[in-house]
N, C-alpha and C. Protein backbone atom coordinates (compact mmCIF):
# COMPACT_ATOMS: atom_id res chain seq x y z
N MET A 1 0.95 -1.10 -0.02
CA MET A 1 0.02 -0.09 0.09
C MET A 1 0.92 1.22 -0.01
N ALA A 2 0.57 2.18 -0.78
CA ALA A 2 1.29 3.33 -0.90
C ALA A 2 0.71 4.46 -0.07
N TYR A 3 1.72 5.11 0.79
CA TYR A 3 1.43 6.09 1.64
C TYR A 3 1.88 7.41 1.11
N VAL A 4 1.16 8.53 1.52
CA VAL A 4 1.63 9.86 1.23
C VAL A 4 2.38 10.41 2.40
N THR A 5 3.59 10.79 2.21
CA THR A 5 4.40 11.22 3.54
C THR A 5 3.83 12.39 4.29
N SER A 6 3.05 13.31 3.51
CA SER A 6 2.55 14.44 4.18
C SER A 6 1.44 14.03 5.00
N GLU A 7 0.61 13.10 4.55
CA GLU A 7 -0.56 12.44 5.40
C GLU A 7 -0.12 11.73 6.57
N LEU A 8 0.96 11.08 6.41
CA LEU A 8 1.68 10.25 7.58
C LEU A 8 2.00 11.16 8.51
N LYS A 9 2.66 12.20 8.04
CA LYS A 9 3.11 13.21 9.12
C LYS A 9 1.90 13.92 9.95
N GLU A 10 0.83 14.25 9.23
CA GLU A 10 -0.21 14.70 9.81
C GLU A 10 -0.70 13.82 11.02
N LYS A 11 -0.89 12.54 10.46
CA LYS A 11 -1.47 11.60 11.48
C LYS A 11 -0.41 11.43 12.60
N ALA A 12 0.75 11.44 12.38
CA ALA A 12 1.75 11.25 13.42
C ALA A 12 1.73 12.51 14.45
N ILE A 13 1.68 13.60 13.88
CA ILE A 13 1.61 14.84 14.79
C ILE A 13 0.20 14.86 15.70
N LYS A 14 -0.85 14.26 15.01
CA LYS A 14 -2.04 14.23 15.80
C LYS A 14 -1.88 13.13 16.84
N ALA A 15 -1.35 12.03 16.52
CA ALA A 15 -1.22 10.92 17.46
C ALA A 15 -0.15 11.46 18.61
N ILE A 16 0.83 12.04 18.34
CA ILE A 16 1.85 12.57 19.34
C ILE A 16 1.17 13.51 20.41
N LYS A 17 0.32 14.32 19.78
CA LYS A 17 -0.24 15.41 20.64
C LYS A 17 -1.46 14.81 21.62
N GLU A 18 -2.24 13.92 20.86
CA GLU A 18 -3.40 13.38 21.64
C GLU A 18 -2.95 12.48 22.51
N HIS A 19 -1.84 11.48 22.42
CA HIS A 19 -1.66 10.50 23.22
C HIS A 19 -0.27 10.57 24.13
N ASN A 20 0.36 11.58 23.85
CA ASN A 20 1.67 12.10 24.45
C ASN A 20 2.71 10.89 24.27
N LEU A 21 2.86 10.58 22.96
CA LEU A 21 3.65 9.56 22.62
C LEU A 21 5.17 9.85 22.84
N LEU A 22 5.86 8.83 23.15
CA LEU A 22 7.39 9.06 23.55
C LEU A 22 8.34 8.34 22.45
N PHE A 23 7.93 7.44 21.65
CA PHE A 23 8.80 6.70 20.86
C PHE A 23 8.28 6.53 19.38
N ILE A 24 9.28 6.42 18.48
CA ILE A 24 8.77 6.23 17.04
C ILE A 24 7.84 5.04 16.80
N GLU A 25 8.29 3.98 17.70
CA GLU A 25 7.39 2.66 17.56
C GLU A 25 5.95 3.06 18.06
N ASP A 26 5.80 3.90 18.93
CA ASP A 26 4.36 4.34 19.35
C ASP A 26 3.68 5.09 18.08
N ILE A 27 4.44 5.88 17.39
CA ILE A 27 3.79 6.55 16.40
C ILE A 27 3.23 5.50 15.38
N CYS A 28 4.20 4.50 14.99
CA CYS A 28 3.80 3.57 13.95
C CYS A 28 2.54 2.66 14.40
N ALA A 29 2.62 2.43 15.67
CA ALA A 29 1.31 1.50 16.17
C ALA A 29 0.00 2.56 15.97
N TYR A 30 0.09 3.81 16.40
CA TYR A 30 -0.98 4.57 16.33
C TYR A 30 -1.55 4.87 14.99
N ILE A 31 -0.59 5.04 13.88
CA ILE A 31 -0.81 5.35 12.62
C ILE A 31 -1.07 4.18 11.80
N GLY A 32 -0.71 3.05 12.20
CA GLY A 32 -0.87 1.80 11.53
C GLY A 32 0.08 1.50 10.46
N ILE A 33 1.39 1.80 10.64
CA ILE A 33 2.47 1.46 9.79
C ILE A 33 3.46 0.71 10.53
N SER A 34 4.37 0.01 9.73
CA SER A 34 5.62 -0.69 10.26
C SER A 34 6.65 0.36 10.45
N VAL A 35 7.56 0.00 11.43
CA VAL A 35 8.62 0.85 11.74
C VAL A 35 9.51 1.16 10.37
N PRO A 36 9.96 0.04 9.61
CA PRO A 36 10.61 0.09 8.32
C PRO A 36 9.92 1.13 7.39
N CYS A 37 8.46 1.01 7.35
CA CYS A 37 7.68 1.99 6.58
C CYS A 37 7.82 3.50 7.01
N PHE A 38 7.89 3.66 8.42
CA PHE A 38 8.17 4.97 8.85
C PHE A 38 9.39 5.46 8.34
N TYR A 39 10.53 4.62 8.45
CA TYR A 39 11.72 5.16 8.15
C TYR A 39 11.93 5.38 6.62
N ASP A 40 11.20 4.77 5.80
CA ASP A 40 11.12 4.90 4.29
C ASP A 40 10.46 6.22 4.08
N HIS A 41 9.69 6.64 4.87
CA HIS A 41 9.03 8.01 4.57
C HIS A 41 9.60 9.05 5.35
N PHE A 42 10.45 8.84 6.37
CA PHE A 42 11.16 9.80 7.43
C PHE A 42 12.43 9.46 7.62
N ASN A 43 13.21 9.80 6.52
CA ASN A 43 14.73 9.60 6.57
C ASN A 43 15.14 10.41 7.75
N LYS A 44 16.26 9.88 8.52
CA LYS A 44 16.53 10.69 9.72
C LYS A 44 17.23 11.94 9.43
N ASP A 45 17.52 12.30 8.24
CA ASP A 45 18.11 13.57 7.94
C ASP A 45 17.02 14.50 7.45
N SER A 46 15.82 14.03 7.28
CA SER A 46 14.67 15.00 6.74
C SER A 46 14.35 15.88 7.81
N ASN A 47 13.80 17.02 7.40
CA ASN A 47 13.05 17.86 8.39
C ASN A 47 11.84 17.30 8.91
N ASP A 48 11.08 16.58 8.18
CA ASP A 48 9.84 15.86 8.74
C ASP A 48 10.18 15.11 9.91
N TYR A 49 11.31 14.26 9.78
CA TYR A 49 11.81 13.37 10.98
C TYR A 49 12.14 14.22 12.06
N LYS A 50 12.90 15.19 11.80
CA LYS A 50 13.36 16.05 12.96
C LYS A 50 12.21 16.78 13.58
N ASP A 51 11.31 17.14 12.96
CA ASP A 51 10.06 17.61 13.47
C ASP A 51 9.38 16.67 14.56
N LEU A 52 9.23 15.61 13.94
CA LEU A 52 8.49 14.42 14.81
C LEU A 52 9.44 14.12 16.03
N ARG A 53 10.68 14.03 15.79
CA ARG A 53 11.72 13.61 16.99
C ARG A 53 11.72 14.66 17.99
N TYR A 54 11.53 15.93 17.45
CA TYR A 54 11.59 17.08 18.34
C TYR A 54 10.25 16.91 19.22
N MET A 55 9.13 16.54 18.60
CA MET A 55 7.80 16.64 19.42
C MET A 55 7.99 15.39 20.52
N LEU A 56 8.58 14.28 20.04
CA LEU A 56 8.66 13.05 20.97
C LEU A 56 9.58 13.73 22.23
N ASP A 57 10.67 14.47 21.88
CA ASP A 57 11.67 14.67 22.85
C ASP A 57 11.00 15.69 23.84
N GLU A 58 10.12 16.59 23.38
CA GLU A 58 9.30 17.44 24.23
C GLU A 58 8.39 16.71 25.25
N ASN A 59 7.81 15.69 24.67
CA ASN A 59 7.12 14.87 25.68
C ASN A 59 7.84 14.09 26.51
N LYS A 60 8.98 13.69 26.30
CA LYS A 60 9.84 12.92 27.04
C LYS A 60 10.35 13.94 28.18
N ILE A 61 10.86 15.05 27.81
CA ILE A 61 11.11 16.05 28.92
C ILE A 61 9.90 16.42 29.78
N THR A 62 8.73 16.56 29.33
CA THR A 62 7.62 16.79 30.23
C THR A 62 7.37 15.60 31.22
N VAL A 63 7.50 14.41 30.66
CA VAL A 63 7.28 13.17 31.52
C VAL A 63 8.41 13.08 32.60
N LYS A 64 9.63 13.36 32.15
CA LYS A 64 10.63 13.23 33.28
C LYS A 64 10.57 14.39 34.15
N THR A 65 10.24 15.46 33.69
CA THR A 65 10.06 16.58 34.84
C THR A 65 8.86 16.28 35.69
N LYS A 66 7.85 15.73 35.28
CA LYS A 66 6.67 15.43 36.09
C LYS A 66 7.23 14.29 37.23
N ILE A 67 7.90 13.28 36.74
CA ILE A 67 8.35 12.26 37.53
C ILE A 67 9.22 12.85 38.64
N ARG A 68 10.14 13.56 38.28
CA ARG A 68 11.09 14.20 39.14
C ARG A 68 10.39 14.99 40.22
N LYS A 69 9.47 15.63 39.77
CA LYS A 69 8.73 16.58 40.78
C LYS A 69 7.83 15.58 41.76
N LYS A 70 7.29 14.50 41.27
CA LYS A 70 6.56 13.67 42.17
C LYS A 70 7.55 12.97 43.16
N TRP A 71 8.74 12.69 42.55
CA TRP A 71 9.75 11.95 43.57
C TRP A 71 10.19 13.00 44.69
N LEU A 72 10.31 14.24 44.35
CA LEU A 72 10.65 15.26 45.29
C LEU A 72 9.42 15.60 46.32
N ASP A 73 8.35 15.74 45.72
CA ASP A 73 7.01 16.16 46.57
C ASP A 73 6.73 14.85 47.46
N ALA A 74 6.92 13.68 47.11
CA ALA A 74 6.56 12.60 47.73
C ALA A 74 7.17 12.40 48.94
N ASP A 75 8.55 12.80 49.08
CA ASP A 75 9.52 12.81 50.11
C ASP A 75 9.64 11.37 50.70
N ARG A 76 9.87 10.35 49.66
CA ARG A 76 10.13 9.00 50.06
C ARG A 76 11.60 8.74 49.74
N ASP A 77 12.06 7.90 50.36
CA ASP A 77 13.52 7.65 50.40
C ASP A 77 13.99 7.21 48.93
N THR A 78 13.39 6.22 48.38
CA THR A 78 13.65 5.57 46.98
C THR A 78 13.66 6.71 45.95
N GLY A 79 12.60 7.43 46.14
CA GLY A 79 12.51 8.48 45.00
C GLY A 79 13.47 9.55 45.14
N LEU A 80 13.85 10.05 46.41
CA LEU A 80 14.83 10.98 46.75
C LEU A 80 16.16 10.61 46.23
N MET A 81 16.51 9.20 46.69
CA MET A 81 17.71 8.62 46.18
C MET A 81 18.00 8.53 44.77
N ALA A 82 16.94 8.31 43.95
CA ALA A 82 16.91 8.22 42.45
C ALA A 82 17.20 9.56 41.96
N LEU A 83 16.42 10.51 42.44
CA LEU A 83 16.57 11.99 42.09
C LEU A 83 18.06 12.54 42.44
N TYR A 84 18.52 12.22 43.62
CA TYR A 84 19.90 12.55 43.95
C TYR A 84 20.90 11.88 43.08
N LYS A 85 20.74 10.65 42.74
CA LYS A 85 21.77 10.18 41.73
C LYS A 85 21.67 10.86 40.34
N LEU A 86 20.61 11.17 40.06
CA LEU A 86 20.42 11.89 38.59
C LEU A 86 21.22 13.24 38.74
N CYS A 87 21.26 13.94 39.92
CA CYS A 87 21.76 15.11 40.07
C CYS A 87 23.26 15.20 40.52
N SER A 88 23.63 13.95 41.04
CA SER A 88 24.98 13.86 41.59
C SER A 88 26.09 14.05 40.52
N THR A 89 27.34 14.21 41.11
CA THR A 89 28.55 14.26 40.36
C THR A 89 28.97 12.73 40.29
N PRO A 90 29.86 12.52 39.22
CA PRO A 90 30.31 11.14 39.25
C PRO A 90 30.92 10.57 40.51
N GLU A 91 31.65 11.34 41.20
CA GLU A 91 32.14 10.91 42.59
C GLU A 91 31.17 10.73 43.54
N GLU A 92 30.12 11.44 43.62
CA GLU A 92 28.95 11.32 44.62
C GLU A 92 28.21 9.91 44.21
N HIS A 93 28.06 9.92 42.84
CA HIS A 93 27.27 8.72 42.36
C HIS A 93 27.98 7.33 42.85
N LYS A 94 29.34 7.37 42.54
CA LYS A 94 30.13 6.11 43.05
C LYS A 94 30.10 5.88 44.52
N LYS A 95 29.96 6.90 45.32
CA LYS A 95 29.86 6.84 46.83
C LYS A 95 28.38 6.19 47.21
N LEU A 96 27.39 6.54 46.39
CA LEU A 96 26.08 6.18 46.65
C LEU A 96 25.85 4.83 46.33
N GLN A 97 26.67 4.24 45.48
CA GLN A 97 26.46 2.76 45.01
C GLN A 97 26.86 1.76 46.07
N GLN A 98 25.90 0.83 46.42
CA GLN A 98 26.20 -0.13 47.33
C GLN A 98 27.22 -1.03 46.94
N ASN A 99 27.36 -1.34 45.68
CA ASN A 99 28.16 -2.41 45.22
C ASN A 99 29.20 -2.07 44.07
N TYR A 100 29.50 -0.77 44.34
CA TYR A 100 30.44 -0.11 43.29
C TYR A 100 31.89 -0.96 43.30
N THR A 101 32.24 -1.54 42.09
CA THR A 101 33.53 -2.10 41.91
C THR A 101 34.47 -1.35 40.91
N ASP A 102 35.43 -0.99 41.15
CA ASP A 102 36.42 -0.32 40.23
C ASP A 102 37.01 -1.39 39.41
N HIS A 103 36.58 -1.61 38.18
CA HIS A 103 37.27 -2.77 37.23
C HIS A 103 38.52 -2.03 36.43
N THR A 104 38.86 -0.88 36.67
CA THR A 104 39.79 -0.32 35.78
C THR A 104 40.93 -0.15 36.45
N THR A 105 41.19 -0.62 37.73
CA THR A 105 42.27 -0.52 38.48
C THR A 105 42.82 0.87 38.57
N ASP A 106 41.92 1.82 39.03
CA ASP A 106 42.18 3.17 39.22
C ASP A 106 42.73 3.93 37.98
N GLY A 107 41.92 3.57 36.87
CA GLY A 107 42.16 4.13 35.66
C GLY A 107 43.09 3.49 34.65
N GLU A 108 43.80 2.59 35.21
CA GLU A 108 44.82 1.55 34.52
C GLU A 108 44.04 0.42 33.89
N LYS A 109 44.23 0.07 32.72
CA LYS A 109 43.47 -1.00 32.04
C LYS A 109 44.17 -2.14 32.46
N ILE A 110 43.49 -3.37 32.74
CA ILE A 110 43.93 -4.60 33.03
C ILE A 110 44.48 -5.29 31.73
N ASN A 111 45.65 -5.78 31.91
CA ASN A 111 46.12 -6.54 30.64
C ASN A 111 45.87 -7.96 30.71
N VAL A 112 44.85 -8.39 30.04
CA VAL A 112 44.36 -9.74 29.98
C VAL A 112 45.18 -10.68 29.23
N ASN A 113 45.94 -10.08 28.25
CA ASN A 113 46.77 -10.77 27.19
C ASN A 113 48.08 -10.23 27.36
N PRO A 114 48.94 -10.84 28.49
CA PRO A 114 50.18 -10.34 28.65
C PRO A 114 51.22 -10.71 27.39
N ASP A 115 52.32 -9.82 27.18
CA ASP A 115 53.02 -10.10 25.99
C ASP A 115 54.08 -11.19 26.40
N LEU A 116 54.08 -12.41 25.82
CA LEU A 116 54.84 -13.39 25.96
C LEU A 116 56.00 -13.40 25.00
N SER A 117 56.14 -12.41 24.21
CA SER A 117 57.09 -12.62 23.05
C SER A 117 58.48 -12.59 23.53
N ASN A 118 58.73 -12.07 24.87
CA ASN A 118 60.12 -11.90 25.41
C ASN A 118 60.63 -13.07 26.19
N LEU A 119 59.61 -14.08 26.40
CA LEU A 119 59.89 -15.18 27.15
C LEU A 119 60.53 -16.30 26.31
N SER A 120 61.26 -17.07 27.00
CA SER A 120 61.76 -18.50 26.45
C SER A 120 60.74 -19.42 26.46
N PRO A 121 60.88 -20.59 25.61
CA PRO A 121 59.84 -21.68 25.54
C PRO A 121 59.68 -22.16 26.85
N GLU A 122 60.62 -22.26 27.67
CA GLU A 122 60.40 -22.82 29.08
C GLU A 122 59.71 -21.85 30.02
N GLU A 123 59.83 -20.65 29.92
CA GLU A 123 59.11 -19.63 30.66
C GLU A 123 57.63 -19.62 30.30
N ILE A 124 57.34 -19.78 29.06
CA ILE A 124 56.00 -19.86 28.53
C ILE A 124 55.33 -21.00 28.98
N LYS A 125 56.00 -22.16 29.06
CA LYS A 125 55.39 -23.37 29.55
C LYS A 125 55.12 -23.22 31.00
N GLU A 126 56.10 -22.59 31.89
CA GLU A 126 55.90 -22.33 33.25
C GLU A 126 54.57 -21.33 33.38
N PHE A 127 54.54 -20.37 32.51
CA PHE A 127 53.49 -19.38 32.57
C PHE A 127 52.13 -20.12 32.50
N GLY A 128 52.05 -21.00 31.45
CA GLY A 128 50.97 -21.83 31.21
C GLY A 128 50.47 -22.62 32.42
N ARG A 129 51.63 -23.38 33.04
CA ARG A 129 51.35 -24.22 34.22
C ARG A 129 50.76 -23.47 35.28
N LEU A 130 51.25 -22.26 35.49
CA LEU A 130 50.87 -21.34 36.74
C LEU A 130 49.46 -20.83 36.40
N ARG A 131 49.17 -20.64 35.21
CA ARG A 131 47.86 -20.21 34.95
C ARG A 131 46.74 -21.30 34.92
N LEU A 132 47.10 -22.35 34.79
CA LEU A 132 46.24 -23.65 34.91
C LEU A 132 45.90 -23.77 36.37
N LYS A 133 47.11 -23.75 36.96
CA LYS A 133 46.95 -23.99 38.51
C LYS A 133 46.12 -23.01 39.20
N SER A 134 46.17 -21.66 38.71
CA SER A 134 45.32 -20.51 39.34
C SER A 134 43.94 -20.84 38.99
N LYS A 135 43.69 -21.41 37.96
CA LYS A 135 42.23 -21.64 37.60
C LYS A 135 41.64 -23.20 38.21
N GLY A 136 42.67 -23.79 39.06
CA GLY A 136 42.30 -24.96 39.66
C GLY A 136 42.27 -26.31 38.87
N LEU A 137 43.10 -26.04 37.71
CA LEU A 137 43.13 -27.22 36.78
C LEU A 137 44.32 -28.00 36.99
């Protein structure tokens, strides 16, 4: 079935406004087209796509703002903690994590593949033996 892009855009705008849609998939469901069909008509570089994306983003901002306000007004620990994490610096966020583990060795990458090119064949065998032993084999 052939669709007219301008008609699809009008339907999409109406659906976004009436139902406070947040995602492209929601638009597709409401106007009755598939996601690939949507992208056939609304190339990501087109102004029509950008207009629809802007409307979705506005709805997302509105929803997030309402949720944050509810968290703050409810004065419940879980909501306040979530809100604080959103507003926190990376350092504060790390301190708030109950199970934070630094996997980077303080910024240094872990070398999981050591350079064995400088080792003799005997040293390589010993390295392999020690590695197997450390794995319990």
